[in-house]
Amino acid sequence: MGQDVMTVEQAAEFLQTSRDTILRKARAGTLPAAKLGREWRFRRTDLDAWLAAGGDRYEPLVDEGMAMELAKRRRADTGKRTSLAEMKKRHGA
């Protein structure tokens, strides 16, 4: 179980809970996760941090580089500009 990225089943085993609980929390945004197509993935370091924080809720951190990339993509898609401050505000950072 030393994998850096886990599937739903592996995350459920790691957290000693059911697959359904993992999926429900991931969909609700209360568990750190990333959706790749139809599949969810979980980073072990994120789950460890989530547990250390008490596991009640997850507050995503906005990486400034990622926020800038998302803003660029949004401009390319919609022609609208989004400031870094606006991106942080939207994502709770």
Foldseek 3Di string as FASTA:
>chain_A
DPDQKDWLVVVCVVVVHDSVVSVVCVVVQFADWDDDPNTIMDGPVSNVVCVVVPVGGDQDDDDLVVLVVVQVVCCVVPVDGDDSVNSCVVRVD
